[in-house]
Every structure is written in structure tokens, then in C-alpha cells.
Amino acid sequence: MSDVLSKRQRSFCMSRIRDKNTKPELALRKALWNAGLRYRLKSDLLGRPDLYFPGRRLVIFVDGCFWHGCPEHCQMPVENRAFWEEKLLKTEPEIKKLI
């Protein structure tokens, strides 16, 4: 099935999706900072972690419910469902519970 939006509309919608400074990421950063833990944000490390602690050799990735198959919040896409199921199963075997 083709997209119901024009290329221009789809481009606008996708441009609104943030990959940095999301609400969960900001909340985590604030809590860590208030706890006295100091971290770095910019990194060329593999996987581009959201936070890293160079002295401890520790990285943190802040991913949303969709990518982990959270049973409470994750909604599998209706369109192209087979593609997303395959993609998510490769990265998160626990997602089988939602499929």
C-alpha cells in the first residue's frame, strides 16, 4: 500500500521525530546529574550511546517502548507489519510476546 501522505508531508512528519533530548532522556540525565554522577553526551563510540561515563567505561542507551516491545506501551505498526516484526525480532527476541 502506498503512503497516504505526499512526499513533502511525510518529510515534514519525519523531521519532527527527535533522536536526541527526548523527555525520557532528559529525565534520566537530570536524575543522574542530581545524584552527582557526571557523564558525557557526545561520543563516536559504536552505536552512538546517549550517555557515557568515560572513567567507568560505561555507556547508556535510552530507547523507547517500541524498540523493546513494552507490553504496556508498544503498538505494532499496522502498515508493513511483517517488516517491523522481523526487524524487531532481530534486535529484541523478547518482542515475540507482542506478535
C-alpha atoms as a PDB file:
ATOM      1  CA  MET A   1       0.000   0.000   0.000  1.00  0.00           C
ATOM      2  CA  SER A   2       1.333   3.436  -0.876  1.00  0.00           C
ATOM      3  CA  ASP A   3       1.757   6.221   1.620  1.00  0.00           C
ATOM      4  CA  VAL A   4      -1.341   8.343   2.265  1.00  0.00           C
ATOM      5  CA  LEU A   5       0.825  11.450   2.650  1.00  0.00           C
ATOM      6  CA  SER A   6       2.686  13.305  -0.066  1.00  0.00           C
ATOM      7  CA  LYS A   7       6.483  13.238  -0.041  1.00  0.00           C
ATOM      8  CA  ARG A   8       6.532  16.745   1.360  1.00  0.00           C
ATOM      9  CA  GLN A   9       4.061  15.912   4.154  1.00  0.00           C
ATOM     10  CA  ARG A  10       5.933  12.710   5.060  1.00  0.00           C
ATOM     11  CA  SER A  11       9.218  14.614   5.128  1.00  0.00           C
ATOM     12  CA  PHE A  12       7.709  17.171   7.500  1.00  0.00           C
ATOM     13  CA  CYS A  13       6.314  14.464   9.814  1.00  0.00           C
ATOM     14  CA  MET A  14       9.628  12.613   9.932  1.00  0.00           C
ATOM     15  CA  SER A  15      11.539  15.842  10.613  1.00  0.00           C
ATOM     16  CA  ARG A  16       9.519  16.289  13.829  1.00  0.00           C
ATOM     17  CA  ILE A  17      10.743  12.986  15.280  1.00  0.00           C
ATOM     18  CA  ARG A  18      13.561  13.677  17.710  1.00  0.00           C
ATOM     19  CA  ASP A  19      16.508  11.379  18.197  1.00  0.00           C
ATOM     20  CA  LYS A  20      18.166  13.463  20.915  1.00  0.00           C
ATOM     21  CA  ASN A  21      16.956  15.239  24.037  1.00  0.00           C
ATOM     22  CA  THR A  22      13.738  13.268  24.332  1.00  0.00           C
ATOM     23  CA  LYS A  23      11.694  13.542  27.535  1.00  0.00           C
ATOM     24  CA  PRO A  24      12.880  10.179  28.943  1.00  0.00           C
ATOM     25  CA  GLU A  25      16.495  11.032  28.122  1.00  0.00           C
ATOM     26  CA  LEU A  26      16.261  14.466  29.764  1.00  0.00           C
ATOM     27  CA  ALA A  27      14.621  12.981  32.862  1.00  0.00           C
ATOM     28  CA  LEU A  28      17.387  10.381  33.188  1.00  0.00           C
ATOM     29  CA  ARG A  29      20.106  12.969  32.679  1.00  0.00           C
ATOM     30  CA  LYS A  30      18.583  15.237  35.328  1.00  0.00           C
ATOM     31  CA  ALA A  31      18.336  12.380  37.835  1.00  0.00           C
ATOM     32  CA  LEU A  32      21.926  11.290  37.202  1.00  0.00           C
ATOM     33  CA  TRP A  33      23.211  14.854  37.493  1.00  0.00           C
ATOM     34  CA  ASN A  34      21.292  15.438  40.734  1.00  0.00           C
ATOM     35  CA  ALA A  35      22.777  12.206  42.095  1.00  0.00           C
ATOM     36  CA  GLY A  36      26.241  13.649  41.487  1.00  0.00           C
ATOM     37  CA  LEU A  37      27.073  11.441  38.513  1.00  0.00           C
ATOM     38  CA  ARG A  38      28.869  13.232  35.692  1.00  0.00           C
ATOM     39  CA  TYR A  39      28.632  11.973  32.140  1.00  0.00           C
ATOM     40  CA  ARG A  40      29.382  12.918  28.557  1.00  0.00           C
ATOM     41  CA  LEU A  41      26.844  13.268  25.737  1.00  0.00           C
ATOM     42  CA  LYS A  42      28.820  13.392  22.501  1.00  0.00           C
ATOM     43  CA  SER A  43      30.621  10.233  21.548  1.00  0.00           C
ATOM     44  CA  ASP A  44      31.953   8.481  18.474  1.00  0.00           C
ATOM     45  CA  LEU A  45      31.596   5.122  20.196  1.00  0.00           C
ATOM     46  CA  LEU A  46      29.954   2.228  18.394  1.00  0.00           C
ATOM     47  CA  GLY A  47      26.173   2.525  18.486  1.00  0.00           C
ATOM     48  CA  ARG A  48      26.272   6.250  19.381  1.00  0.00           C
ATOM     49  CA  PRO A  49      25.225   5.942  23.046  1.00  0.00           C
ATOM     50  CA  ASP A  50      23.038   8.628  24.582  1.00  0.00           C
ATOM     51  CA  LEU A  51      25.252   8.963  27.653  1.00  0.00           C
ATOM     52  CA  TYR A  52      28.650   7.657  28.573  1.00  0.00           C
ATOM     53  CA  PHE A  53      30.912   7.676  31.577  1.00  0.00           C
ATOM     54  CA  PRO A  54      34.495   7.671  30.258  1.00  0.00           C
ATOM     55  CA  GLY A  55      36.157   6.914  33.609  1.00  0.00           C
ATOM     56  CA  ARG A  56      33.916   3.919  34.250  1.00  0.00           C
ATOM     57  CA  ARG A  57      33.825   2.670  30.638  1.00  0.00           C
ATOM     58  CA  LEU A  58      30.032   2.616  30.826  1.00  0.00           C
ATOM     59  CA  VAL A  59      27.503   3.639  28.177  1.00  0.00           C
ATOM     60  CA  ILE A  60      23.746   4.145  28.387  1.00  0.00           C
ATOM     61  CA  PHE A  61      21.231   3.897  25.555  1.00  0.00           C
ATOM     62  CA  VAL A  62      17.781   5.407  26.129  1.00  0.00           C
ATOM     63  CA  ASP A  63      15.374   3.583  23.813  1.00  0.00           C
ATOM     64  CA  GLY A  64      11.613   3.863  23.776  1.00  0.00           C
ATOM     65  CA  CYS A  65       8.999   1.220  24.481  1.00  0.00           C
ATOM     66  CA  PHE A  66       8.545   0.383  20.797  1.00  0.00           C
ATOM     67  CA  TRP A  67      12.104  -0.880  20.360  1.00  0.00           C
ATOM     68  CA  HIS A  68      11.880  -3.172  23.370  1.00  0.00           C
ATOM     69  CA  GLY A  69       8.347  -4.389  22.906  1.00  0.00           C
ATOM     70  CA  CYS A  70       6.984  -2.970  26.135  1.00  0.00           C
ATOM     71  CA  PRO A  71       3.666  -4.815  26.636  1.00  0.00           C
ATOM     72  CA  GLU A  72       2.081  -1.738  28.215  1.00  0.00           C
ATOM     73  CA  HIS A  73       3.046   0.952  25.682  1.00  0.00           C
ATOM     74  CA  CYS A  74       4.253  -0.656  22.447  1.00  0.00           C
ATOM     75  CA  GLN A  75       1.879  -0.654  19.481  1.00  0.00           C
ATOM     76  CA  MET A  76       2.954  -2.663  16.485  1.00  0.00           C
ATOM     77  CA  PRO A  77       2.520  -0.768  13.193  1.00  0.00           C
ATOM     78  CA  VAL A  78      -0.441  -1.769  11.037  1.00  0.00           C
ATOM     79  CA  GLU A  79       1.326  -0.978   7.772  1.00  0.00           C
ATOM     80  CA  ASN A  80       4.278  -3.159   6.773  1.00  0.00           C
ATOM     81  CA  ARG A  81       3.860  -5.242   9.912  1.00  0.00           C
ATOM     82  CA  ALA A  82       5.906  -8.190   8.638  1.00  0.00           C
ATOM     83  CA  PHE A  83       8.927  -5.930   8.054  1.00  0.00           C
ATOM     84  CA  TRP A  84       8.776  -4.466  11.579  1.00  0.00           C
ATOM     85  CA  GLU A  85       8.234  -7.844  13.232  1.00  0.00           C
ATOM     86  CA  GLU A  86      11.309  -9.242  11.507  1.00  0.00           C
ATOM     87  CA  LYS A  87      13.402  -6.166  12.316  1.00  0.00           C
ATOM     88  CA  LEU A  88      12.407  -6.105  15.982  1.00  0.00           C
ATOM     89  CA  LEU A  89      12.883  -9.861  16.443  1.00  0.00           C
ATOM     90  CA  LYS A  90      16.496  -9.482  15.308  1.00  0.00           C
ATOM     91  CA  THR A  91      17.241  -6.841  17.916  1.00  0.00           C
ATOM     92  CA  GLU A  92      14.916  -7.838  20.749  1.00  0.00           C
ATOM     93  CA  PRO A  93      13.915 -11.534  20.978  1.00  0.00           C
ATOM     94  CA  GLU A  94      11.506 -10.733  23.844  1.00  0.00           C
ATOM     95  CA  ILE A  95       9.231  -8.964  21.347  1.00  0.00           C
ATOM     96  CA  LYS A  96       7.699 -12.353  20.494  1.00  0.00           C
ATOM     97  CA  LYS A  97       5.226 -11.718  23.301  1.00  0.00           C
ATOM     98  CA  LEU A  98       3.583  -8.931  21.271  1.00  0.00           C
ATOM     99  CA  ILE A  99       3.458 -10.686  17.909  1.00  0.00           C
END
